[in-house]
Amino acid sequence: LDPQSVLTTARLSVSEVFALIISVS
């Protein structure tokens, strides 16, 4: 695995982003 591709690719689902937002809030 090219390590740079890990840094530039985000594969978050809506529920994962939602979980992050509500946790921060």
mmCIF file of all heavy atoms, coordinates in Angstrom:
data_MODEL
# 
_entry.id   MODEL 
# 
loop_
_atom_site.group_PDB 
_atom_site.id 
_atom_site.type_symbol 
_atom_site.label_atom_id 
_atom_site.label_alt_id 
_atom_site.label_comp_id 
_atom_site.label_asym_id 
_atom_site.label_entity_id 
_atom_site.label_seq_id 
_atom_site.pdbx_PDB_ins_code 
_atom_site.Cartn_x 
_atom_site.Cartn_y 
_atom_site.Cartn_z 
_atom_site.occupancy 
_atom_site.B_iso_or_equiv 
_atom_site.pdbx_formal_charge 
_atom_site.auth_seq_id 
_atom_site.auth_comp_id 
_atom_site.auth_asym_id 
_atom_site.auth_atom_id 
_atom_site.pdbx_PDB_model_num 
ATOM 1   N N   . LEU A 1 1  ? 0.838   -1.187 0.000  1.00 0.00 ? 1  LEU A N   1 
ATOM 2   C CA  . LEU A 1 1  ? 0.000   0.000  0.000  1.00 0.00 ? 1  LEU A CA  1 
ATOM 3   C C   . LEU A 1 1  ? 0.879   1.246  0.000  1.00 0.00 ? 1  LEU A C   1 
ATOM 4   O O   . LEU A 1 1  ? 1.768   1.388  0.840  1.00 0.00 ? 1  LEU A O   1 
ATOM 5   C CB  . LEU A 1 1  ? -0.894  0.006  1.240  1.00 0.00 ? 1  LEU A CB  1 
ATOM 6   C CG  . LEU A 1 1  ? -1.755  1.249  1.467  1.00 0.00 ? 1  LEU A CG  1 
ATOM 7   C CD1 . LEU A 1 1  ? -2.807  1.389  0.378  1.00 0.00 ? 1  LEU A CD1 1 
ATOM 8   C CD2 . LEU A 1 1  ? -2.414  1.194  2.841  1.00 0.00 ? 1  LEU A CD2 1 
ATOM 9   N N   . ASP A 1 2  ? 0.646   2.124  -0.975 1.00 0.00 ? 2  ASP A N   1 
ATOM 10  C CA  . ASP A 1 2  ? 1.345   3.404  -0.997 1.00 0.00 ? 2  ASP A CA  1 
ATOM 11  C C   . ASP A 1 2  ? 0.860   4.218  0.194  1.00 0.00 ? 2  ASP A C   1 
ATOM 12  O O   . ASP A 1 2  ? -0.323  4.562  0.276  1.00 0.00 ? 2  ASP A O   1 
ATOM 13  C CB  . ASP A 1 2  ? 1.026   4.143  -2.299 1.00 0.00 ? 2  ASP A CB  1 
ATOM 14  C CG  . ASP A 1 2  ? 1.775   5.464  -2.423 1.00 0.00 ? 2  ASP A CG  1 
ATOM 15  O OD1 . ASP A 1 2  ? 2.255   5.969  -1.395 1.00 0.00 ? 2  ASP A OD1 1 
ATOM 16  O OD2 . ASP A 1 2  ? 1.854   5.999  -3.540 1.00 0.00 ? 2  ASP A OD2 1 
ATOM 17  N N   . PRO A 1 3  ? 1.723   4.537  1.159  1.00 0.00 ? 3  PRO A N   1 
ATOM 18  C CA  . PRO A 1 3  ? 1.278   5.234  2.377  1.00 0.00 ? 3  PRO A CA  1 
ATOM 19  C C   . PRO A 1 3  ? 0.660   6.589  2.100  1.00 0.00 ? 3  PRO A C   1 
ATOM 20  O O   . PRO A 1 3  ? -0.172  7.065  2.870  1.00 0.00 ? 3  PRO A O   1 
ATOM 21  C CB  . PRO A 1 3  ? 2.558   5.363  3.212  1.00 0.00 ? 3  PRO A CB  1 
ATOM 22  C CG  . PRO A 1 3  ? 3.678   5.214  2.239  1.00 0.00 ? 3  PRO A CG  1 
ATOM 23  C CD  . PRO A 1 3  ? 3.171   4.291  1.177  1.00 0.00 ? 3  PRO A CD  1 
ATOM 24  N N   . GLN A 1 4  ? 1.043   7.251  1.005  1.00 0.00 ? 4  GLN A N   1 
ATOM 25  C CA  . GLN A 1 4  ? 0.477   8.560  0.712  1.00 0.00 ? 4  GLN A CA  1 
ATOM 26  C C   . GLN A 1 4  ? -1.010  8.485  0.389  1.00 0.00 ? 4  GLN A C   1 
ATOM 27  O O   . GLN A 1 4  ? -1.756  9.428  0.636  1.00 0.00 ? 4  GLN A O   1 
ATOM 28  C CB  . GLN A 1 4  ? 1.222   9.202  -0.469 1.00 0.00 ? 4  GLN A CB  1 
ATOM 29  C CG  . GLN A 1 4  ? 2.664   9.560  -0.161 1.00 0.00 ? 4  GLN A CG  1 
ATOM 30  C CD  . GLN A 1 4  ? 2.772   10.528 1.014  1.00 0.00 ? 4  GLN A CD  1 
ATOM 31  O OE1 . GLN A 1 4  ? 2.044   11.501 1.080  1.00 0.00 ? 4  GLN A OE1 1 
ATOM 32  N NE2 . GLN A 1 4  ? 3.679   10.245 1.927  1.00 0.00 ? 4  GLN A NE2 1 
ATOM 33  N N   . SER A 1 5  ? -1.457  7.344  -0.150 1.00 0.00 ? 5  SER A N   1 
ATOM 34  C CA  . SER A 1 5  ? -2.876  7.237  -0.498 1.00 0.00 ? 5  SER A CA  1 
ATOM 35  C C   . SER A 1 5  ? -3.739  7.169  0.751  1.00 0.00 ? 5  SER A C   1 
ATOM 36  O O   . SER A 1 5  ? -4.912  7.517  0.724  1.00 0.00 ? 5  SER A O   1 
ATOM 37  C CB  . SER A 1 5  ? -3.127  6.000  -1.374 1.00 0.00 ? 5  SER A CB  1 
ATOM 38  O OG  . SER A 1 5  ? -2.916  4.800  -0.662 1.00 0.00 ? 5  SER A OG  1 
ATOM 39  N N   . VAL A 1 6  ? -3.160  6.705  1.868  1.00 0.00 ? 6  VAL A N   1 
ATOM 40  C CA  . VAL A 1 6  ? -3.900  6.671  3.126  1.00 0.00 ? 6  VAL A CA  1 
ATOM 41  C C   . VAL A 1 6  ? -4.141  8.082  3.628  1.00 0.00 ? 6  VAL A C   1 
ATOM 42  O O   . VAL A 1 6  ? -5.180  8.405  4.187  1.00 0.00 ? 6  VAL A O   1 
ATOM 43  C CB  . VAL A 1 6  ? -3.132  5.851  4.189  1.00 0.00 ? 6  VAL A CB  1 
ATOM 44  C CG1 . VAL A 1 6  ? -3.892  5.826  5.513  1.00 0.00 ? 6  VAL A CG1 1 
ATOM 45  C CG2 . VAL A 1 6  ? -2.902  4.436  3.693  1.00 0.00 ? 6  VAL A CG2 1 
ATOM 46  N N   . LEU A 1 7  ? -3.180  8.968  3.382  1.00 0.00 ? 7  LEU A N   1 
ATOM 47  C CA  . LEU A 1 7  ? -3.282  10.326 3.887  1.00 0.00 ? 7  LEU A CA  1 
ATOM 48  C C   . LEU A 1 7  ? -4.246  11.176 3.078  1.00 0.00 ? 7  LEU A C   1 
ATOM 49  O O   . LEU A 1 7  ? -4.797  12.145 3.594  1.00 0.00 ? 7  LEU A O   1 
ATOM 50  C CB  . LEU A 1 7  ? -1.895  10.993 3.877  1.00 0.00 ? 7  LEU A CB  1 
ATOM 51  C CG  . LEU A 1 7  ? -0.823  10.325 4.740  1.00 0.00 ? 7  LEU A CG  1 
ATOM 52  C CD1 . LEU A 1 7  ? 0.505   11.027 4.533  1.00 0.00 ? 7  LEU A CD1 1 
ATOM 53  C CD2 . LEU A 1 7  ? -1.208  10.344 6.200  1.00 0.00 ? 7  LEU A CD2 1 
ATOM 54  N N   . THR A 1 8  ? -4.448  10.840 1.827  1.00 0.00 ? 8  THR A N   1 
ATOM 55  C CA  . THR A 1 8  ? -5.254  11.706 0.959  1.00 0.00 ? 8  THR A CA  1 
ATOM 56  C C   . THR A 1 8  ? -6.641  11.169 0.696  1.00 0.00 ? 8  THR A C   1 
ATOM 57  O O   . THR A 1 8  ? -7.435  11.832 0.040  1.00 0.00 ? 8  THR A O   1 
ATOM 58  C CB  . THR A 1 8  ? -4.549  11.884 -0.400 1.00 0.00 ? 8  THR A CB  1 
ATOM 59  O OG1 . THR A 1 8  ? -4.341  10.592 -0.997 1.00 0.00 ? 8  THR A OG1 1 
ATOM 60  C CG2 . THR A 1 8  ? -3.200  12.560 -0.223 1.00 0.00 ? 8  THR A CG2 1 
ATOM 61  N N   . THR A 1 9  ? -6.981  9.999  1.188  1.00 0.00 ? 9  THR A N   1 
ATOM 62  C CA  . THR A 1 9  ? -8.280  9.412  0.902  1.00 0.00 ? 9  THR A CA  1 
ATOM 63  C C   . THR A 1 9  ? -9.091  9.271  2.179  1.00 0.00 ? 9  THR A C   1 
ATOM 64  O O   . THR A 1 9  ? -8.666  8.604  3.110  1.00 0.00 ? 9  THR A O   1 
ATOM 65  C CB  . THR A 1 9  ? -8.120  8.011  0.263  1.00 0.00 ? 9  THR A CB  1 
ATOM 66  O OG1 . THR A 1 9  ? -7.301  8.134  -0.894 1.00 0.00 ? 9  THR A OG1 1 
ATOM 67  C CG2 . THR A 1 9  ? -9.479  7.445  -0.129 1.00 0.00 ? 9  THR A CG2 1 
ATOM 68  N N   . ALA A 1 10 ? -10.252 9.916  2.221  1.00 0.00 ? 10 ALA A N   1 
ATOM 69  C CA  . ALA A 1 10 ? -11.154 9.795  3.364  1.00 0.00 ? 10 ALA A CA  1 
ATOM 70  C C   . ALA A 1 10 ? -12.395 9.040  2.925  1.00 0.00 ? 10 ALA A C   1 
ATOM 71  O O   . ALA A 1 10 ? -13.033 9.412  1.955  1.00 0.00 ? 10 ALA A O   1 
ATOM 72  C CB  . ALA A 1 10 ? -11.536 11.175 3.888  1.00 0.00 ? 10 ALA A CB  1 
ATOM 73  N N   . ARG A 1 11 ? -12.735 7.975  3.643  1.00 0.00 ? 11 ARG A N   1 
ATOM 74  C CA  . ARG A 1 11 ? -13.894 7.172  3.277  1.00 0.00 ? 11 ARG A CA  1 
ATOM 75  C C   . ARG A 1 11 ? -14.829 7.088  4.481  1.00 0.00 ? 11 ARG A C   1 
ATOM 76  O O   . ARG A 1 11 ? -15.010 6.042  5.075  1.00 0.00 ? 11 ARG A O   1 
ATOM 77  C CB  . ARG A 1 11 ? -13.477 5.778  2.834  1.00 0.00 ? 11 ARG A CB  1 
ATOM 78  C CG  . ARG A 1 11 ? -12.650 5.734  1.566  1.00 0.00 ? 11 ARG A CG  1 
ATOM 79  C CD  . ARG A 1 11 ? -12.429 4.303  1.129  1.00 0.00 ? 11 ARG A CD  1 
ATOM 80  N NE  . ARG A 1 11 ? -11.901 3.499  2.210  1.00 0.00 ? 11 ARG A NE  1 
ATOM 81  C CZ  . ARG A 1 11 ? -12.361 2.296  2.529  1.00 0.00 ? 11 ARG A CZ  1 
ATOM 82  N NH1 . ARG A 1 11 ? -13.373 1.768  1.891  1.00 0.00 ? 11 ARG A NH1 1 
ATOM 83  N NH2 . ARG A 1 11 ? -11.804 1.615  3.513  1.00 0.00 ? 11 ARG A NH2 1 
ATOM 84  N N   . LEU A 1 12 ? -15.372 8.208  4.870  1.00 0.00 ? 12 LEU A N   1 
ATOM 85  C CA  . LEU A 1 12 ? -16.256 8.228  6.020  1.00 0.00 ? 12 LEU A CA  1 
ATOM 86  C C   . LEU A 1 12 ? -17.711 8.199  5.560  1.00 0.00 ? 12 LEU A C   1 
ATOM 87  O O   . LEU A 1 12 ? -18.089 8.887  4.619  1.00 0.00 ? 12 LEU A O   1 
ATOM 88  C CB  . LEU A 1 12 ? -16.009 9.483  6.856  1.00 0.00 ? 12 LEU A CB  1 
ATOM 89  C CG  . LEU A 1 12 ? -14.631 9.595  7.518  1.00 0.00 ? 12 LEU A CG  1 
ATOM 90  C CD1 . LEU A 1 12 ? -14.532 10.899 8.297  1.00 0.00 ? 12 LEU A CD1 1 
ATOM 91  C CD2 . LEU A 1 12 ? -14.369 8.416  8.432  1.00 0.00 ? 12 LEU A CD2 1 
ATOM 92  N N   . SER A 1 13 ? -18.500 7.405  6.245  1.00 0.00 ? 13 SER A N   1 
ATOM 93  C CA  . SER A 1 13 ? -19.929 7.364  5.956  1.00 0.00 ? 13 SER A CA  1 
ATOM 94  C C   . SER A 1 13 ? -20.617 8.523  6.653  1.00 0.00 ? 13 SER A C   1 
ATOM 95  O O   . SER A 1 13 ? -20.028 9.209  7.509  1.00 0.00 ? 13 SER A O   1 
ATOM 96  C CB  . SER A 1 13 ? -20.522 6.037  6.443  1.00 0.00 ? 13 SER A CB  1 
ATOM 97  O OG  . SER A 1 13 ? -20.471 5.981  7.859  1.00 0.00 ? 13 SER A OG  1 
ATOM 98  N N   . VAL A 1 14 ? -21.871 8.751  6.311  1.00 0.00 ? 14 VAL A N   1 
ATOM 99  C CA  . VAL A 1 14 ? -22.639 9.804  6.961  1.00 0.00 ? 14 VAL A CA  1 
ATOM 100 C C   . VAL A 1 14 ? -22.715 9.563  8.462  1.00 0.00 ? 14 VAL A C   1 
ATOM 101 O O   . VAL A 1 14 ? -22.543 10.483 9.268  1.00 0.00 ? 14 VAL A O   1 
ATOM 102 C CB  . VAL A 1 14 ? -24.063 9.887  6.362  1.00 0.00 ? 14 VAL A CB  1 
ATOM 103 C CG1 . VAL A 1 14 ? -24.959 10.784 7.209  1.00 0.00 ? 14 VAL A CG1 1 
ATOM 104 C CG2 . VAL A 1 14 ? -24.010 10.416 4.942  1.00 0.00 ? 14 VAL A CG2 1 
ATOM 105 N N   . SER A 1 15 ? -22.971 8.319  8.867  1.00 0.00 ? 15 SER A N   1 
ATOM 106 C CA  . SER A 1 15 ? -23.101 8.036  10.300 1.00 0.00 ? 15 SER A CA  1 
ATOM 107 C C   . SER A 1 15 ? -21.786 8.258  11.034 1.00 0.00 ? 15 SER A C   1 
ATOM 108 O O   . SER A 1 15 ? -21.782 8.679  12.200 1.00 0.00 ? 15 SER A O   1 
ATOM 109 C CB  . SER A 1 15 ? -23.598 6.596  10.528 1.00 0.00 ? 15 SER A CB  1 
ATOM 110 O OG  . SER A 1 15 ? -22.735 5.654  9.923  1.00 0.00 ? 15 SER A OG  1 
ATOM 111 N N   . GLU A 1 16 ? -20.645 8.002  10.369 1.00 0.00 ? 16 GLU A N   1 
ATOM 112 C CA  . GLU A 1 16 ? -19.350 8.237  11.013 1.00 0.00 ? 16 GLU A CA  1 
ATOM 113 C C   . GLU A 1 16 ? -19.097 9.727  11.196 1.00 0.00 ? 16 GLU A C   1 
ATOM 114 O O   . GLU A 1 16 ? -18.637 10.167 12.256 1.00 0.00 ? 16 GLU A O   1 
ATOM 115 C CB  . GLU A 1 16 ? -18.239 7.588  10.192 1.00 0.00 ? 16 GLU A CB  1 
ATOM 116 C CG  . GLU A 1 16 ? -18.230 6.073  10.279 1.00 0.00 ? 16 GLU A CG  1 
ATOM 117 C CD  . GLU A 1 16 ? -17.319 5.431  9.243  1.00 0.00 ? 16 GLU A CD  1 
ATOM 118 O OE1 . GLU A 1 16 ? -17.051 6.042  8.192  1.00 0.00 ? 16 GLU A OE1 1 
ATOM 119 O OE2 . GLU A 1 16 ? -16.890 4.289  9.483  1.00 0.00 ? 16 GLU A OE2 1 
ATOM 120 N N   . VAL A 1 17 ? -19.396 10.538 10.161 1.00 0.00 ? 17 VAL A N   1 
ATOM 121 C CA  . VAL A 1 17 ? -19.249 11.988 10.290 1.00 0.00 ? 17 VAL A CA  1 
ATOM 122 C C   . VAL A 1 17 ? -20.232 12.511 11.331 1.00 0.00 ? 17 VAL A C   1 
ATOM 123 O O   . VAL A 1 17 ? -19.890 13.364 12.161 1.00 0.00 ? 17 VAL A O   1 
ATOM 124 C CB  . VAL A 1 17 ? -19.474 12.685 8.939  1.00 0.00 ? 17 VAL A CB  1 
ATOM 125 C CG1 . VAL A 1 17 ? -19.432 14.211 9.096  1.00 0.00 ? 17 VAL A CG1 1 
ATOM 126 C CG2 . VAL A 1 17 ? -18.418 12.244 7.930  1.00 0.00 ? 17 VAL A CG2 1 
ATOM 127 N N   . PHE A 1 18 ? -21.453 11.988 11.317 1.00 0.00 ? 18 PHE A N   1 
ATOM 128 C CA  . PHE A 1 18 ? -22.474 12.384 12.288 1.00 0.00 ? 18 PHE A CA  1 
ATOM 129 C C   . PHE A 1 18 ? -21.991 12.080 13.709 1.00 0.00 ? 18 PHE A C   1 
ATOM 130 O O   . PHE A 1 18 ? -22.139 12.917 14.621 1.00 0.00 ? 18 PHE A O   1 
ATOM 131 C CB  . PHE A 1 18 ? -23.761 11.628 11.986 1.00 0.00 ? 18 PHE A CB  1 
ATOM 132 C CG  . PHE A 1 18 ? -24.922 11.972 12.878 1.00 0.00 ? 18 PHE A CG  1 
ATOM 133 C CD1 . PHE A 1 18 ? -25.338 13.276 13.029 1.00 0.00 ? 18 PHE A CD1 1 
ATOM 134 C CD2 . PHE A 1 18 ? -25.613 10.974 13.549 1.00 0.00 ? 18 PHE A CD2 1 
ATOM 135 C CE1 . PHE A 1 18 ? -26.427 13.596 13.842 1.00 0.00 ? 18 PHE A CE1 1 
ATOM 136 C CE2 . PHE A 1 18 ? -26.690 11.273 14.362 1.00 0.00 ? 18 PHE A CE2 1 
ATOM 137 C CZ  . PHE A 1 18 ? -27.099 12.584 14.507 1.00 0.00 ? 18 PHE A CZ  1 
ATOM 138 N N   . ALA A 1 19 ? -21.392 10.911 13.897 1.00 0.00 ? 19 ALA A N   1 
ATOM 139 C CA  . ALA A 1 19 ? -20.897 10.536 15.222 1.00 0.00 ? 19 ALA A CA  1 
ATOM 140 C C   . ALA A 1 19 ? -19.804 11.493 15.689 1.00 0.00 ? 19 ALA A C   1 
ATOM 141 O O   . ALA A 1 19 ? -19.763 11.882 16.863 1.00 0.00 ? 19 ALA A O   1 
ATOM 142 C CB  . ALA A 1 19 ? -20.373 9.100  15.198 1.00 0.00 ? 19 ALA A CB  1 
ATOM 143 N N   . LEU A 1 20 ? -18.916 11.873 14.780 1.00 0.00 ? 20 LEU A N   1 
ATOM 144 C CA  . LEU A 1 20 ? -17.862 12.820 15.135 1.00 0.00 ? 20 LEU A CA  1 
ATOM 145 C C   . LEU A 1 20 ? -18.444 14.178 15.515 1.00 0.00 ? 20 LEU A C   1 
ATOM 146 O O   . LEU A 1 20 ? -18.036 14.786 16.513 1.00 0.00 ? 20 LEU A O   1 
ATOM 147 C CB  . LEU A 1 20 ? -16.887 12.974 13.965 1.00 0.00 ? 20 LEU A CB  1 
ATOM 148 C CG  . LEU A 1 20 ? -15.971 11.786 13.672 1.00 0.00 ? 20 LEU A CG  1 
ATOM 149 C CD1 . LEU A 1 20 ? -15.231 12.006 12.355 1.00 0.00 ? 20 LEU A CD1 1 
ATOM 150 C CD2 . LEU A 1 20 ? -14.969 11.583 14.799 1.00 0.00 ? 20 LEU A CD2 1 
ATOM 151 N N   . ILE A 1 21 ? -19.392 14.652 14.721 1.00 0.00 ? 21 ILE A N   1 
ATOM 152 C CA  . ILE A 1 21 ? -19.968 15.969 14.972 1.00 0.00 ? 21 ILE A CA  1 
ATOM 153 C C   . ILE A 1 21 ? -20.712 16.006 16.302 1.00 0.00 ? 21 ILE A C   1 
ATOM 154 O O   . ILE A 1 21 ? -20.545 16.937 17.097 1.00 0.00 ? 21 ILE A O   1 
ATOM 155 C CB  . ILE A 1 21 ? -20.902 16.377 13.823 1.00 0.00 ? 21 ILE A CB  1 
ATOM 156 C CG1 . ILE A 1 21 ? -20.088 16.652 12.558 1.00 0.00 ? 21 ILE A CG1 1 
ATOM 157 C CG2 . ILE A 1 21 ? -21.715 17.620 14.182 1.00 0.00 ? 21 ILE A CG2 1 
ATOM 158 C CD1 . ILE A 1 21 ? -20.928 16.935 11.330 1.00 0.00 ? 21 ILE A CD1 1 
ATOM 159 N N   . ILE A 1 22 ? -21.527 15.004 16.570 1.00 0.00 ? 22 ILE A N   1 
ATOM 160 C CA  . ILE A 1 22 ? -22.292 15.037 17.811 1.00 0.00 ? 22 ILE A CA  1 
ATOM 161 C C   . ILE A 1 22 ? -21.395 14.823 19.028 1.00 0.00 ? 22 ILE A C   1 
ATOM 162 O O   . ILE A 1 22 ? -21.665 15.362 20.098 1.00 0.00 ? 22 ILE A O   1 
ATOM 163 C CB  . ILE A 1 22 ? -23.451 14.012 17.803 1.00 0.00 ? 22 ILE A CB  1 
ATOM 164 C CG1 . ILE A 1 22 ? -22.937 12.578 17.638 1.00 0.00 ? 22 ILE A CG1 1 
ATOM 165 C CG2 . ILE A 1 22 ? -24.453 14.343 16.732 1.00 0.00 ? 22 ILE A CG2 1 
ATOM 166 C CD1 . ILE A 1 22 ? -24.046 11.538 17.652 1.00 0.00 ? 22 ILE A CD1 1 
ATOM 167 N N   . SER A 1 23 ? -20.300 14.075 18.858 1.00 0.00 ? 23 SER A N   1 
ATOM 168 C CA  . SER A 1 23 ? -19.368 13.904 19.973 1.00 0.00 ? 23 SER A CA  1 
ATOM 169 C C   . SER A 1 23 ? -18.684 15.222 20.317 1.00 0.00 ? 23 SER A C   1 
ATOM 170 O O   . SER A 1 23 ? -18.577 15.599 21.492 1.00 0.00 ? 23 SER A O   1 
ATOM 171 C CB  . SER A 1 23 ? -18.328 12.837 19.631 1.00 0.00 ? 23 SER A CB  1 
ATOM 172 O OG  . SER A 1 23 ? -18.927 11.578 19.426 1.00 0.00 ? 23 SER A OG  1 
ATOM 173 N N   . VAL A 1 24 ? -18.216 15.925 19.281 1.00 0.00 ? 24 VAL A N   1 
ATOM 174 C CA  . VAL A 1 24 ? -17.587 17.232 19.503 1.00 0.00 ? 24 VAL A CA  1 
ATOM 175 C C   . VAL A 1 24 ? -18.591 18.209 20.101 1.00 0.00 ? 24 VAL A C   1 
ATOM 176 O O   . VAL A 1 24 ? -18.282 18.952 21.040 1.00 0.00 ? 24 VAL A O   1 
ATOM 177 C CB  . VAL A 1 24 ? -17.012 17.779 18.182 1.00 0.00 ? 24 VAL A CB  1 
ATOM 178 C CG1 . VAL A 1 24 ? -16.592 19.244 18.335 1.00 0.00 ? 24 VAL A CG1 1 
ATOM 179 C CG2 . VAL A 1 24 ? -15.820 16.941 17.742 1.00 0.00 ? 24 VAL A CG2 1 
ATOM 180 N N   . SER A 1 25 ? -19.816 18.214 19.568 1.00 0.00 ? 25 SER A N   1 
ATOM 181 C CA  . SER A 1 25 ? -20.833 19.135 20.064 1.00 0.00 ? 25 SER A CA  1 
ATOM 182 C C   . SER A 1 25 ? -21.203 18.842 21.507 1.00 0.00 ? 25 SER A C   1 
ATOM 183 O O   . SER A 1 25 ? -21.424 19.763 22.301 1.00 0.00 ? 25 SER A O   1 
ATOM 184 C CB  . SER A 1 25 ? -22.086 19.049 19.174 1.00 0.00 ? 25 SER A CB  1 
ATOM 185 O OG  . SER A 1 25 ? -21.791 19.420 17.848 1.00 0.00 ? 25 SER A OG  1 
# 
